[in-house]
């Protein structure tokens, strides 16, 4: 699905059209959307543009050259949930926007490396927090990753900050959705729009959001939503 969405995301396309692309892919694969209708959410994907951090509602907004787009989407296959997100530039983007995306990808990769038996949730959070703080970006407090399996959101919460060696110990077979969210202005503050869904940076700065569903394997992490 992410491959099709990356190919479709270009100047002149609306976020509703991207939602249709995702819907078509899910239907062709015989899967089911786990976003559509979730607590009343009206889309198959979350399409968050520029200062929108997460939960952007797909609609008539037209993507333009230079936009930073974050897409979050998931599906249910044989009763199991998957959840993943990526951030990309639309056409040519600024160096700062690219740096934000690259840092988000680096934070996700560092967090995934910690997903081994015997490590702790605090190791995952610390990996994200260290990279985000070093880059000077904000790290929202009230939004985080989560356990995932027969339900999309399960215990435990997977915070994007923490102390190494602290928190729940990871065990083989656990599946977690790891999702760093970076705020380009350096502030950790966000706000919710009147639509009741879209979360934006409080200072109007750019945001990036990336995510993978990852299994704690006996010998290390296994990314279940790898493209």
N, C-alpha and C. Protein backbone atom coordinates (compact mmCIF):
# COMPACT_ATOMS: atom_id res chain seq x y z
N UNK A 1 0.81 -1.20 0.00
CA UNK A 1 0.00 0.00 0.00
C UNK A 1 0.86 1.26 0.00
N UNK A 2 1.94 1.26 0.81
CA UNK A 2 2.79 2.43 0.87
C UNK A 2 3.46 2.72 -0.47
N UNK A 3 3.81 1.68 -1.19
CA UNK A 3 4.43 1.89 -2.50
C UNK A 3 3.46 2.64 -3.41
N UNK A 4 2.21 2.19 -3.46
CA UNK A 4 1.21 2.83 -4.30
C UNK A 4 0.95 4.27 -3.87
N UNK A 5 0.93 4.51 -2.58
CA UNK A 5 0.68 5.86 -2.08
C UNK A 5 1.85 6.79 -2.37
N UNK A 6 3.06 6.30 -2.22
CA UNK A 6 4.24 7.12 -2.55
C UNK A 6 4.23 7.50 -4.03
N UNK A 7 3.85 6.57 -4.87
CA UNK A 7 3.81 6.85 -6.31
C UNK A 7 2.71 7.84 -6.66
N UNK A 8 1.62 7.79 -5.95
CA UNK A 8 0.47 8.65 -6.25
C UNK A 8 0.60 10.05 -5.68
N UNK A 9 1.41 10.22 -4.64
CA UNK A 9 1.52 11.50 -3.96
C UNK A 9 2.39 12.46 -4.76
N UNK A 10 1.75 13.40 -5.43
CA UNK A 10 2.46 14.36 -6.28
C UNK A 10 1.63 15.64 -6.36
N UNK A 11 2.23 16.73 -6.82
CA UNK A 11 1.48 17.98 -6.93
C UNK A 11 0.22 17.82 -7.77
N UNK A 12 -0.88 18.42 -7.29
CA UNK A 12 -2.14 18.38 -8.00
C UNK A 12 -3.10 17.30 -7.55
N UNK A 13 -2.61 16.36 -6.75
CA UNK A 13 -3.44 15.27 -6.24
C UNK A 13 -4.07 15.69 -4.91
N UNK A 14 -5.32 15.32 -4.68
CA UNK A 14 -5.95 15.62 -3.40
C UNK A 14 -5.69 14.47 -2.42
N UNK A 15 -5.83 14.78 -1.14
CA UNK A 15 -5.66 13.74 -0.14
C UNK A 15 -6.79 12.71 -0.21
N UNK A 16 -7.96 13.14 -0.71
CA UNK A 16 -9.06 12.18 -0.92
C UNK A 16 -8.70 11.17 -2.01
N UNK A 17 -8.00 11.61 -3.03
CA UNK A 17 -7.56 10.69 -4.08
C UNK A 17 -6.56 9.67 -3.53
N UNK A 18 -5.70 10.10 -2.63
CA UNK A 18 -4.77 9.16 -2.00
C UNK A 18 -5.54 8.14 -1.16
N UNK A 19 -6.58 8.59 -0.50
CA UNK A 19 -7.41 7.69 0.29
C UNK A 19 -8.03 6.62 -0.60
N UNK A 20 -8.45 7.02 -1.80
CA UNK A 20 -9.04 6.08 -2.76
C UNK A 20 -8.01 5.05 -3.22
N UNK A 21 -6.76 5.50 -3.41
CA UNK A 21 -5.69 4.58 -3.79
C UNK A 21 -5.52 3.51 -2.71
N UNK A 22 -5.46 3.94 -1.45
CA UNK A 22 -5.28 3.00 -0.35
C UNK A 22 -6.47 2.04 -0.26
N UNK A 23 -7.67 2.58 -0.42
CA UNK A 23 -8.86 1.74 -0.36
C UNK A 23 -8.83 0.65 -1.44
N UNK A 24 -8.42 1.04 -2.65
CA UNK A 24 -8.37 0.09 -3.76
C UNK A 24 -7.35 -1.02 -3.50
N UNK A 25 -6.18 -0.65 -2.98
CA UNK A 25 -5.15 -1.65 -2.69
C UNK A 25 -5.63 -2.63 -1.63
N UNK A 26 -6.23 -2.11 -0.57
CA UNK A 26 -6.73 -2.98 0.50
C UNK A 26 -7.78 -3.95 -0.04
N UNK A 27 -8.69 -3.46 -0.86
CA UNK A 27 -9.74 -4.31 -1.40
C UNK A 27 -9.18 -5.38 -2.33
N UNK A 28 -8.21 -5.00 -3.16
CA UNK A 28 -7.61 -5.98 -4.09
C UNK A 28 -6.88 -7.08 -3.35
N UNK A 29 -6.33 -6.75 -2.20
CA UNK A 29 -5.58 -7.75 -1.43
C UNK A 29 -6.47 -8.59 -0.52
N UNK A 30 -7.75 -8.31 -0.53
CA UNK A 30 -8.66 -9.07 0.32
C UNK A 30 -8.54 -8.75 1.79
N UNK A 31 -7.99 -7.58 2.10
CA UNK A 31 -7.84 -7.16 3.48
C UNK A 31 -8.98 -6.20 3.85
N UNK A 32 -8.90 -5.64 5.04
CA UNK A 32 -9.91 -4.70 5.53
C UNK A 32 -9.22 -3.53 6.20
N UNK A 33 -9.71 -2.33 5.96
CA UNK A 33 -9.14 -1.15 6.61
C UNK A 33 -9.43 -1.20 8.11
N UNK A 34 -8.42 -0.88 8.91
CA UNK A 34 -8.66 -0.75 10.35
C UNK A 34 -8.74 0.71 10.78
N UNK A 35 -8.64 1.64 9.82
CA UNK A 35 -8.79 3.05 10.13
C UNK A 35 -10.23 3.52 9.89
N UNK A 36 -10.80 3.09 8.76
CA UNK A 36 -12.12 3.59 8.37
C UNK A 36 -13.17 3.20 9.41
N UNK A 37 -13.83 4.22 9.96
CA UNK A 37 -14.86 3.98 10.96
C UNK A 37 -14.35 3.81 12.37
N UNK A 38 -13.02 3.81 12.56
CA UNK A 38 -12.45 3.63 13.90
C UNK A 38 -12.78 4.87 14.74
N UNK A 39 -13.63 4.69 15.76
CA UNK A 39 -14.14 5.81 16.55
C UNK A 39 -14.73 6.89 15.65
N UNK A 40 -15.26 6.47 14.50
CA UNK A 40 -15.89 7.40 13.59
C UNK A 40 -14.96 8.06 12.59
N UNK A 41 -13.70 7.64 12.51
CA UNK A 41 -12.78 8.28 11.56
C UNK A 41 -13.28 8.02 10.13
N UNK A 42 -13.32 9.07 9.27
CA UNK A 42 -13.97 8.93 7.96
C UNK A 42 -13.08 8.46 6.82
N UNK A 43 -11.80 8.20 7.08
CA UNK A 43 -10.90 7.83 6.00
C UNK A 43 -10.24 6.48 6.18
N UNK A 44 -9.66 5.99 5.09
CA UNK A 44 -8.85 4.77 5.13
C UNK A 44 -7.42 5.11 5.57
N UNK A 45 -6.98 6.33 5.26
CA UNK A 45 -5.67 6.80 5.67
C UNK A 45 -5.82 8.07 6.49
N UNK A 46 -4.78 8.39 7.25
CA UNK A 46 -4.60 9.73 7.81
C UNK A 46 -3.60 10.43 6.90
N UNK A 47 -3.97 11.58 6.37
CA UNK A 47 -3.10 12.35 5.48
C UNK A 47 -2.83 13.70 6.13
N UNK A 48 -1.63 13.84 6.67
CA UNK A 48 -1.28 15.04 7.44
C UNK A 48 -0.25 15.85 6.66
N UNK A 49 -0.56 17.12 6.42
CA UNK A 49 0.25 17.96 5.55
C UNK A 49 0.89 19.12 6.33
N UNK A 50 2.18 19.27 6.15
CA UNK A 50 2.96 20.39 6.70
C UNK A 50 2.90 20.46 8.23
N UNK A 51 2.09 21.36 8.81
CA UNK A 51 2.06 21.49 10.27
C UNK A 51 1.15 20.46 10.94
N UNK A 52 0.48 19.64 10.13
CA UNK A 52 -0.38 18.59 10.70
C UNK A 52 0.49 17.41 11.11
N UNK A 53 0.41 17.04 12.38
CA UNK A 53 1.28 16.00 12.93
C UNK A 53 0.71 14.61 12.64
N UNK A 54 -0.52 14.39 13.04
CA UNK A 54 -1.19 13.09 12.88
C UNK A 54 -2.69 13.31 12.69
N UNK A 55 -3.35 12.27 12.21
CA UNK A 55 -4.82 12.18 12.14
C UNK A 55 -5.46 13.17 11.16
N UNK A 56 -4.69 13.62 10.17
CA UNK A 56 -5.27 14.48 9.15
C UNK A 56 -6.34 13.73 8.36
N UNK A 57 -7.49 14.36 8.17
CA UNK A 57 -8.61 13.73 7.47
C UNK A 57 -8.45 13.94 5.97
N UNK A 58 -8.47 12.87 5.17
CA UNK A 58 -8.37 13.03 3.71
C UNK A 58 -9.59 13.75 3.16
N UNK A 59 -9.33 14.67 2.19
CA UNK A 59 -10.44 15.43 1.65
C UNK A 59 -10.04 16.18 0.40
N UNK A 60 -10.52 17.39 0.26
CA UNK A 60 -10.34 18.15 -0.98
C UNK A 60 -9.01 18.89 -1.06
N UNK A 61 -8.21 18.82 -0.02
CA UNK A 61 -6.93 19.54 -0.05
C UNK A 61 -6.06 19.03 -1.19
N UNK A 62 -5.56 19.97 -1.98
CA UNK A 62 -4.69 19.63 -3.11
C UNK A 62 -3.24 19.77 -2.69
N UNK A 63 -2.45 18.73 -2.90
CA UNK A 63 -1.03 18.77 -2.59
C UNK A 63 -0.31 19.68 -3.58
N UNK A 64 0.63 20.47 -3.07
CA UNK A 64 1.39 21.37 -3.93
C UNK A 64 2.88 21.13 -3.76
N UNK A 65 3.64 21.61 -4.72
CA UNK A 65 5.10 21.49 -4.68
C UNK A 65 5.63 22.05 -3.36
N UNK A 66 6.47 21.27 -2.70
CA UNK A 66 7.08 21.72 -1.45
C UNK A 66 6.39 21.25 -0.19
N UNK A 67 5.19 20.66 -0.31
CA UNK A 67 4.49 20.15 0.87
C UNK A 67 5.26 18.99 1.50
N UNK A 68 5.10 18.86 2.81
CA UNK A 68 5.57 17.68 3.53
C UNK A 68 4.33 16.88 3.92
N UNK A 69 4.25 15.67 3.43
CA UNK A 69 3.08 14.81 3.65
C UNK A 69 3.43 13.62 4.52
N UNK A 70 2.63 13.41 5.57
CA UNK A 70 2.74 12.19 6.38
C UNK A 70 1.48 11.36 6.18
N UNK A 71 1.66 10.10 5.84
CA UNK A 71 0.54 9.20 5.61
C UNK A 71 0.61 8.05 6.62
N UNK A 72 -0.46 7.85 7.33
CA UNK A 72 -0.59 6.76 8.30
C UNK A 72 -1.74 5.88 7.82
N UNK A 73 -1.50 4.59 7.74
CA UNK A 73 -2.56 3.69 7.27
C UNK A 73 -2.31 2.28 7.80
N UNK A 74 -3.37 1.49 7.77
CA UNK A 74 -3.25 0.13 8.27
C UNK A 74 -4.29 -0.77 7.65
N UNK A 75 -4.19 -2.04 8.00
CA UNK A 75 -5.12 -3.02 7.46
C UNK A 75 -5.21 -4.21 8.39
N UNK A 76 -6.29 -4.96 8.22
CA UNK A 76 -6.48 -6.21 8.97
C UNK A 76 -6.38 -7.36 7.98
N UNK A 77 -5.49 -8.29 8.28
CA UNK A 77 -5.28 -9.47 7.43
C UNK A 77 -5.44 -10.71 8.30
N UNK A 78 -6.43 -11.51 7.98
CA UNK A 78 -6.70 -12.75 8.72
C UNK A 78 -6.83 -12.48 10.22
N UNK A 79 -7.46 -11.35 10.55
CA UNK A 79 -7.72 -11.02 11.94
C UNK A 79 -6.61 -10.30 12.66
N UNK A 80 -5.49 -10.08 11.99
CA UNK A 80 -4.34 -9.41 12.60
C UNK A 80 -4.19 -8.00 12.03
N UNK A 81 -3.90 -7.05 12.91
CA UNK A 81 -3.77 -5.66 12.51
C UNK A 81 -2.33 -5.28 12.18
N UNK A 82 -2.18 -4.43 11.18
CA UNK A 82 -0.91 -3.80 10.87
C UNK A 82 -1.11 -2.30 10.82
N UNK A 83 -0.05 -1.54 11.15
CA UNK A 83 -0.16 -0.09 11.24
C UNK A 83 1.21 0.48 10.89
N UNK A 84 1.26 1.41 9.94
CA UNK A 84 2.54 1.98 9.53
C UNK A 84 2.34 3.36 8.95
N UNK A 85 3.38 4.18 9.01
CA UNK A 85 3.30 5.55 8.50
C UNK A 85 4.63 5.94 7.86
N UNK A 86 4.55 6.91 6.94
CA UNK A 86 5.77 7.44 6.33
C UNK A 86 5.57 8.93 6.06
N UNK A 87 6.67 9.65 5.96
CA UNK A 87 6.65 11.07 5.59
C UNK A 87 7.48 11.25 4.33
N UNK A 88 6.95 12.03 3.39
CA UNK A 88 7.65 12.29 2.13
C UNK A 88 7.44 13.75 1.72
N UNK A 89 8.31 14.20 0.83
CA UNK A 89 8.15 15.52 0.25
C UNK A 89 7.37 15.43 -1.05
N UNK A 90 6.59 16.45 -1.33
CA UNK A 90 5.84 16.52 -2.59
C UNK A 90 6.66 17.39 -3.56
N UNK A 91 7.14 16.76 -4.61
CA UNK A 91 8.02 17.47 -5.53
C UNK A 91 9.32 17.86 -4.84
N UNK A 92 9.83 19.04 -5.13
CA UNK A 92 11.05 19.54 -4.50
C UNK A 92 10.69 20.22 -3.19
N UNK A 93 11.36 19.81 -2.11
CA UNK A 93 11.08 20.38 -0.80
C UNK A 93 12.32 21.07 -0.25
N UNK A 94 12.14 21.84 0.80
CA UNK A 94 13.24 22.57 1.41
C UNK A 94 14.22 21.62 2.09
N UNK A 95 15.44 22.09 2.27
CA UNK A 95 16.45 21.29 2.97
C UNK A 95 16.01 21.00 4.40
N UNK A 96 15.35 21.96 5.03
CA UNK A 96 14.90 21.76 6.41
C UNK A 96 13.81 20.69 6.48
N UNK A 97 12.89 20.69 5.51
CA UNK A 97 11.86 19.66 5.49
C UNK A 97 12.48 18.28 5.29
N UNK A 98 13.46 18.18 4.41
CA UNK A 98 14.13 16.90 4.18
C UNK A 98 14.88 16.44 5.42
N UNK A 99 15.51 17.38 6.11
CA UNK A 99 16.23 17.04 7.35
C UNK A 99 15.27 16.50 8.39
N UNK A 100 14.09 17.08 8.48
CA UNK A 100 13.09 16.62 9.43
C UNK A 100 12.66 15.19 9.11
N UNK A 101 12.40 14.92 7.83
CA UNK A 101 12.02 13.57 7.41
C UNK A 101 13.14 12.58 7.70
N UNK A 102 14.36 12.95 7.35
CA UNK A 102 15.49 12.05 7.56
C UNK A 102 15.70 11.75 9.04
N UNK A 103 15.51 12.75 9.88
CA UNK A 103 15.67 12.55 11.32
C UNK A 103 14.59 11.63 11.87
N UNK A 104 13.37 11.79 11.37
CA UNK A 104 12.28 10.90 11.80
C UNK A 104 12.60 9.46 11.42
N UNK A 105 13.08 9.25 10.20
CA UNK A 105 13.44 7.89 9.76
C UNK A 105 14.56 7.32 10.62
N UNK A 106 15.54 8.16 10.97
CA UNK A 106 16.66 7.71 11.81
C UNK A 106 16.19 7.34 13.21
N UNK A 107 15.25 8.13 13.75
CA UNK A 107 14.72 7.84 15.08
C UNK A 107 13.96 6.53 15.09
N UNK A 108 13.18 6.27 14.04
CA UNK A 108 12.45 5.01 13.95
C UNK A 108 13.42 3.84 13.85
N UNK A 109 14.43 3.97 13.02
CA UNK A 109 15.41 2.88 12.87
C UNK A 109 16.13 2.59 14.18
N UNK A 110 16.48 3.64 14.91
CA UNK A 110 17.18 3.46 16.19
C UNK A 110 16.29 2.77 17.21
N UNK A 111 15.02 3.13 17.21
CA UNK A 111 14.08 2.51 18.15
C UNK A 111 13.89 1.04 17.83
N UNK A 112 13.76 0.72 16.55
CA UNK A 112 13.56 -0.67 16.14
C UNK A 112 14.74 -1.54 16.56
N UNK A 113 15.94 -1.01 16.51
CA UNK A 113 17.14 -1.77 16.91
C UNK A 113 17.07 -2.22 18.37
N UNK A 114 16.31 -1.50 19.18
CA UNK A 114 16.20 -1.85 20.60
C UNK A 114 15.22 -2.99 20.87
N UNK A 115 14.50 -3.43 19.85
CA UNK A 115 13.43 -4.41 20.06
C UNK A 115 13.96 -5.84 20.06
N UNK A 116 14.62 -6.15 21.15
CA UNK A 116 15.18 -7.48 21.37
C UNK A 116 14.76 -7.99 22.74
N UNK A 117 14.62 -9.30 22.89
CA UNK A 117 14.26 -9.84 24.20
C UNK A 117 15.25 -9.36 25.27
N UNK A 118 14.71 -8.92 26.39
CA UNK A 118 15.54 -8.45 27.48
C UNK A 118 15.73 -6.94 27.52
N UNK A 119 15.49 -6.27 26.39
CA UNK A 119 15.50 -4.81 26.41
C UNK A 119 14.18 -4.33 27.01
N UNK A 120 14.09 -3.02 27.26
CA UNK A 120 12.91 -2.47 27.93
C UNK A 120 12.26 -1.38 27.08
N UNK A 121 11.02 -1.06 27.42
CA UNK A 121 10.35 0.03 26.72
C UNK A 121 11.13 1.33 26.83
N UNK A 122 11.79 1.53 27.96
CA UNK A 122 12.59 2.73 28.14
C UNK A 122 13.74 2.84 27.16
N UNK A 123 14.25 1.69 26.70
CA UNK A 123 15.32 1.70 25.70
C UNK A 123 14.80 2.22 24.36
N UNK A 124 13.56 1.83 24.02
CA UNK A 124 12.95 2.30 22.77
C UNK A 124 12.73 3.81 22.83
N UNK A 125 12.11 4.26 23.92
CA UNK A 125 11.84 5.68 24.07
C UNK A 125 13.10 6.52 24.10
N UNK A 126 14.13 6.03 24.78
CA UNK A 126 15.38 6.78 24.87
C UNK A 126 16.05 6.90 23.51
N UNK A 127 15.95 5.85 22.70
CA UNK A 127 16.55 5.88 21.36
C UNK A 127 15.92 6.99 20.52
N UNK A 128 14.60 7.09 20.58
CA UNK A 128 13.90 8.14 19.83
C UNK A 128 14.25 9.52 20.41
N UNK A 129 14.13 9.64 21.71
CA UNK A 129 14.33 10.93 22.37
C UNK A 129 15.73 11.50 22.12
N UNK A 130 16.72 10.64 22.14
CA UNK A 130 18.10 11.09 21.95
C UNK A 130 18.29 11.72 20.58
N UNK A 131 17.78 11.07 19.55
CA UNK A 131 17.95 11.56 18.18
C UNK A 131 17.13 12.83 17.95
N UNK A 132 15.90 12.84 18.44
CA UNK A 132 15.03 14.01 18.26
C UNK A 132 15.61 15.24 18.97
N UNK A 133 16.06 15.05 20.22
CA UNK A 133 16.60 16.16 20.99
C UNK A 133 17.89 16.69 20.37
N UNK A 134 18.75 15.78 19.90
CA UNK A 134 20.02 16.20 19.31
C UNK A 134 19.81 17.05 18.07
N UNK A 135 18.71 16.78 17.35
CA UNK A 135 18.41 17.53 16.13
C UNK A 135 17.69 18.84 16.42
N UNK A 136 17.27 19.03 17.68
CA UNK A 136 16.59 20.26 18.05
C UNK A 136 15.11 20.29 17.76
N UNK A 137 14.51 19.12 17.58
CA UNK A 137 13.09 19.04 17.24
C UNK A 137 12.23 18.78 18.48
N UNK A 138 10.94 19.08 18.35
CA UNK A 138 10.00 18.79 19.42
C UNK A 138 9.52 17.36 19.37
N UNK A 139 9.01 16.89 20.53
CA UNK A 139 8.60 15.50 20.71
C UNK A 139 7.31 15.52 21.55
N UNK A 140 6.14 15.46 20.91
CA UNK A 140 4.88 15.65 21.65
C UNK A 140 4.70 14.65 22.78
N UNK A 141 4.14 15.12 23.88
CA UNK A 141 4.06 14.32 25.09
C UNK A 141 2.92 13.32 25.10
N UNK A 142 1.79 13.65 24.51
CA UNK A 142 0.57 12.88 24.73
C UNK A 142 0.24 11.89 23.63
N UNK A 143 1.18 11.64 22.71
CA UNK A 143 0.94 10.72 21.60
C UNK A 143 2.12 9.78 21.49
N UNK A 144 1.83 8.51 21.23
CA UNK A 144 2.91 7.53 21.28
C UNK A 144 2.53 6.28 20.49
N UNK A 145 3.45 5.32 20.45
CA UNK A 145 3.18 4.03 19.84
C UNK A 145 2.39 3.14 20.77
N UNK A 146 2.23 1.87 20.38
CA UNK A 146 1.31 1.01 21.11
C UNK A 146 1.53 -0.45 20.75
N UNK A 147 1.03 -1.31 21.61
CA UNK A 147 0.94 -2.71 21.25
C UNK A 147 -0.10 -2.89 20.15
N UNK A 148 0.03 -3.98 19.41
CA UNK A 148 -0.88 -4.22 18.29
C UNK A 148 -0.98 -5.72 18.05
N UNK A 149 -2.15 -6.17 17.65
CA UNK A 149 -2.35 -7.60 17.42
C UNK A 149 -3.74 -7.85 16.88
N UNK A 150 -4.58 -8.48 17.69
CA UNK A 150 -5.98 -8.71 17.29
C UNK A 150 -6.78 -7.41 17.33
N UNK A 151 -6.27 -6.41 18.04
CA UNK A 151 -6.83 -5.06 18.04
C UNK A 151 -5.74 -4.10 17.56
N UNK A 152 -6.17 -2.95 17.02
CA UNK A 152 -5.17 -2.01 16.51
C UNK A 152 -4.38 -1.37 17.65
N UNK A 153 -5.07 -1.00 18.71
CA UNK A 153 -4.40 -0.38 19.85
C UNK A 153 -4.52 -1.29 21.06
N UNK A 154 -3.40 -1.82 21.48
CA UNK A 154 -3.35 -2.69 22.65
C UNK A 154 -2.28 -2.17 23.60
N UNK A 155 -2.26 -2.72 24.79
CA UNK A 155 -1.18 -2.42 25.73
C UNK A 155 0.11 -3.07 25.21
N UNK A 156 1.26 -2.47 25.49
CA UNK A 156 1.49 -1.26 26.29
C UNK A 156 1.58 -0.02 25.42
N UNK A 157 1.53 1.15 26.05
CA UNK A 157 1.91 2.37 25.36
C UNK A 157 3.42 2.34 25.12
N UNK A 158 3.84 2.83 23.98
CA UNK A 158 5.26 2.86 23.64
C UNK A 158 5.66 4.32 23.46
N UNK A 159 6.16 4.91 24.53
CA UNK A 159 6.48 6.33 24.53
C UNK A 159 7.71 6.63 23.68
N UNK A 160 7.76 7.85 23.19
CA UNK A 160 8.90 8.31 22.39
C UNK A 160 9.93 9.05 23.24
N UNK A 161 9.96 8.70 24.49
CA UNK A 161 10.96 9.21 25.42
C UNK A 161 11.07 8.19 26.56
N UNK A 162 12.19 8.16 27.23
CA UNK A 162 12.33 7.18 28.30
C UNK A 162 13.75 7.10 28.81
N UNK A 163 13.97 6.20 29.75
CA UNK A 163 15.29 5.97 30.34
C UNK A 163 15.71 4.54 30.05
N UNK A 164 16.91 4.35 29.54
CA UNK A 164 17.38 2.99 29.24
C UNK A 164 17.27 2.07 30.45
N UNK A 165 16.81 0.85 30.21
CA UNK A 165 16.71 -0.13 31.27
C UNK A 165 15.48 -0.01 32.14
N UNK A 166 14.61 0.95 31.82
CA UNK A 166 13.40 1.15 32.62
C UNK A 166 12.17 0.72 31.83
N UNK A 167 11.10 0.41 32.57
CA UNK A 167 9.84 0.06 31.94
C UNK A 167 9.72 -1.43 31.67
N UNK A 168 8.63 -1.80 31.01
CA UNK A 168 8.32 -3.19 30.72
C UNK A 168 9.45 -3.86 29.94
N UNK A 169 9.84 -5.06 30.37
CA UNK A 169 10.88 -5.81 29.64
C UNK A 169 10.26 -6.47 28.41
N UNK A 170 10.97 -6.38 27.30
CA UNK A 170 10.48 -6.97 26.05
C UNK A 170 10.73 -8.47 26.04
N UNK A 171 9.77 -9.18 25.48
CA UNK A 171 9.87 -10.64 25.38
C UNK A 171 9.61 -11.07 23.96
N UNK A 172 10.21 -12.18 23.57
CA UNK A 172 10.01 -12.72 22.22
C UNK A 172 8.52 -12.94 21.96
N UNK A 173 8.08 -12.50 20.79
CA UNK A 173 6.68 -12.66 20.42
C UNK A 173 5.84 -11.41 20.59
N UNK A 174 6.35 -10.42 21.32
CA UNK A 174 5.61 -9.17 21.45
C UNK A 174 5.61 -8.43 20.12
N UNK A 175 4.52 -7.74 19.81
CA UNK A 175 4.42 -6.94 18.60
C UNK A 175 4.03 -5.52 18.99
N UNK A 176 4.82 -4.56 18.54
CA UNK A 176 4.62 -3.16 18.90
C UNK A 176 4.61 -2.29 17.66
N UNK A 177 3.79 -1.24 17.69
CA UNK A 177 3.82 -0.21 16.66
C UNK A 177 4.66 0.94 17.20
N UNK A 178 5.79 1.18 16.56
CA UNK A 178 6.72 2.22 16.98
C UNK A 178 6.50 3.43 16.08
N UNK A 179 6.23 4.62 16.66
CA UNK A 179 5.90 5.75 15.79
C UNK A 179 6.39 7.10 16.32
N UNK A 180 7.61 7.45 15.98
CA UNK A 180 8.10 8.79 16.31
C UNK A 180 7.31 9.88 15.59
N UNK A 181 7.09 10.98 16.29
CA UNK A 181 6.44 12.17 15.72
C UNK A 181 7.34 13.36 16.05
N UNK A 182 7.80 14.05 15.04
CA UNK A 182 8.76 15.12 15.23
C UNK A 182 8.15 16.47 14.86
N UNK A 183 8.41 17.46 15.70
CA UNK A 183 7.88 18.81 15.49
C UNK A 183 9.05 19.73 15.16
N UNK A 184 8.99 20.31 13.96
CA UNK A 184 10.14 21.01 13.43
C UNK A 184 10.55 22.27 14.15
N UNK A 185 9.65 22.91 14.89
CA UNK A 185 9.98 24.17 15.54
C UNK A 185 10.70 24.04 16.86
N UNK A 186 10.81 22.81 17.38
CA UNK A 186 11.51 22.59 18.64
C UNK A 186 10.61 22.53 19.85
N UNK A 187 9.40 23.05 19.74
CA UNK A 187 8.45 22.97 20.85
C UNK A 187 7.79 21.61 20.87
N UNK A 188 7.41 21.13 22.07
CA UNK A 188 6.69 19.87 22.21
C UNK A 188 5.18 20.06 22.14
N UNK A 189 4.72 21.28 22.00
CA UNK A 189 3.29 21.58 22.11
C UNK A 189 2.55 21.36 20.80
N UNK A 190 1.37 20.75 20.91
CA UNK A 190 0.48 20.54 19.77
C UNK A 190 -0.93 20.95 20.18
N UNK A 191 -1.83 21.02 19.20
CA UNK A 191 -3.22 21.31 19.49
C UNK A 191 -4.11 20.55 18.53
N UNK A 192 -5.36 20.35 18.92
CA UNK A 192 -6.33 19.65 18.09
C UNK A 192 -7.21 20.66 17.36
N UNK A 193 -7.44 20.41 16.07
CA UNK A 193 -8.31 21.28 15.30
C UNK A 193 -9.79 21.01 15.62
N UNK A 194 -10.64 21.87 15.12
CA UNK A 194 -12.07 21.76 15.42
C UNK A 194 -12.72 20.52 14.83
N UNK A 195 -12.03 19.86 13.88
CA UNK A 195 -12.62 18.64 13.31
C UNK A 195 -12.60 17.47 14.29
N UNK A 196 -11.93 17.68 15.43
CA UNK A 196 -11.89 16.64 16.46
C UNK A 196 -10.89 15.54 16.21
N UNK A 197 -10.11 15.66 15.15
CA UNK A 197 -9.13 14.62 14.80
C UNK A 197 -7.72 15.19 14.58
N UNK A 198 -7.61 16.18 13.71
CA UNK A 198 -6.29 16.61 13.25
C UNK A 198 -5.50 17.28 14.37
N UNK A 199 -4.27 16.77 14.58
CA UNK A 199 -3.35 17.34 15.55
C UNK A 199 -2.28 18.13 14.79
N UNK A 200 -2.09 19.40 15.18
CA UNK A 200 -1.12 20.26 14.49
C UNK A 200 -0.10 20.79 15.49
N UNK A 201 1.04 21.22 14.96
CA UNK A 201 2.04 21.86 15.81
C UNK A 201 1.46 23.19 16.31
N UNK A 202 1.71 23.51 17.58
CA UNK A 202 1.16 24.72 18.15
C UNK A 202 1.79 25.98 17.55
N UNK A 203 3.03 25.86 17.09
CA UNK A 203 3.74 27.02 16.55
C UNK A 203 3.68 27.12 15.03
N UNK A 204 2.95 26.20 14.38
CA UNK A 204 2.81 26.23 12.94
C UNK A 204 3.97 25.66 12.16
N UNK A 205 4.92 25.06 12.86
CA UNK A 205 6.09 24.48 12.19
C UNK A 205 5.74 23.16 11.53
N UNK A 206 6.63 22.68 10.66
CA UNK A 206 6.43 21.40 9.99
C UNK A 206 6.48 20.25 10.98
N UNK A 207 5.88 19.12 10.59
CA UNK A 207 5.91 17.91 11.41
C UNK A 207 6.16 16.70 10.51
N UNK A 208 6.71 15.66 11.11
CA UNK A 208 6.91 14.39 10.41
C UNK A 208 6.48 13.26 11.33
N UNK A 209 5.96 12.19 10.72
CA UNK A 209 5.45 11.04 11.47
C UNK A 209 5.78 9.77 10.70
N UNK A 210 6.46 8.85 11.35
CA UNK A 210 6.83 7.58 10.72
C UNK A 210 6.51 6.45 11.68
N UNK A 211 6.29 5.25 11.13
CA UNK A 211 5.84 4.14 11.99
C UNK A 211 6.05 2.80 11.29
N UNK A 212 6.36 1.79 12.08
CA UNK A 212 6.34 0.40 11.62
C UNK A 212 5.74 -0.48 12.71
N UNK A 213 5.12 -1.57 12.29
CA UNK A 213 4.71 -2.63 13.20
C UNK A 213 5.84 -3.64 13.26
N UNK A 214 6.33 -3.93 14.47
CA UNK A 214 7.56 -4.69 14.62
C UNK A 214 7.39 -5.83 15.63
N UNK A 215 7.85 -7.00 15.26
CA UNK A 215 7.86 -8.16 16.13
C UNK A 215 9.18 -8.24 16.89
N UNK A 216 9.09 -8.48 18.20
CA UNK A 216 10.29 -8.79 18.97
C UNK A 216 10.61 -10.26 18.70
N UNK A 217 11.54 -10.49 17.79
CA UNK A 217 11.91 -11.85 17.44
C UNK A 217 12.92 -12.43 18.42
N UNK A 218 13.05 -13.73 18.40
CA UNK A 218 13.98 -14.40 19.31
C UNK A 218 15.39 -13.88 19.12
N UNK A 219 15.75 -13.55 17.88
CA UNK A 219 17.11 -13.09 17.59
C UNK A 219 17.19 -11.63 17.19
N UNK A 220 16.09 -10.90 17.38
CA UNK A 220 16.10 -9.48 17.05
C UNK A 220 14.80 -9.04 16.43
N UNK A 221 14.71 -7.76 16.08
CA UNK A 221 13.45 -7.23 15.55
C UNK A 221 13.13 -7.72 14.14
N UNK A 222 11.84 -7.91 13.88
CA UNK A 222 11.35 -8.25 12.55
C UNK A 222 10.27 -7.23 12.17
N UNK A 223 10.52 -6.45 11.14
CA UNK A 223 9.56 -5.44 10.71
C UNK A 223 8.47 -6.11 9.89
N UNK A 224 7.26 -6.08 10.39
CA UNK A 224 6.15 -6.76 9.73
C UNK A 224 5.51 -5.90 8.64
N UNK A 225 5.78 -4.60 8.66
CA UNK A 225 5.20 -3.70 7.66
C UNK A 225 6.29 -3.15 6.72
N UNK A 226 7.38 -3.87 6.59
CA UNK A 226 8.43 -3.44 5.67
C UNK A 226 7.91 -3.50 4.24
N UNK A 227 8.29 -2.50 3.46
CA UNK A 227 7.83 -2.44 2.07
C UNK A 227 8.59 -3.45 1.23
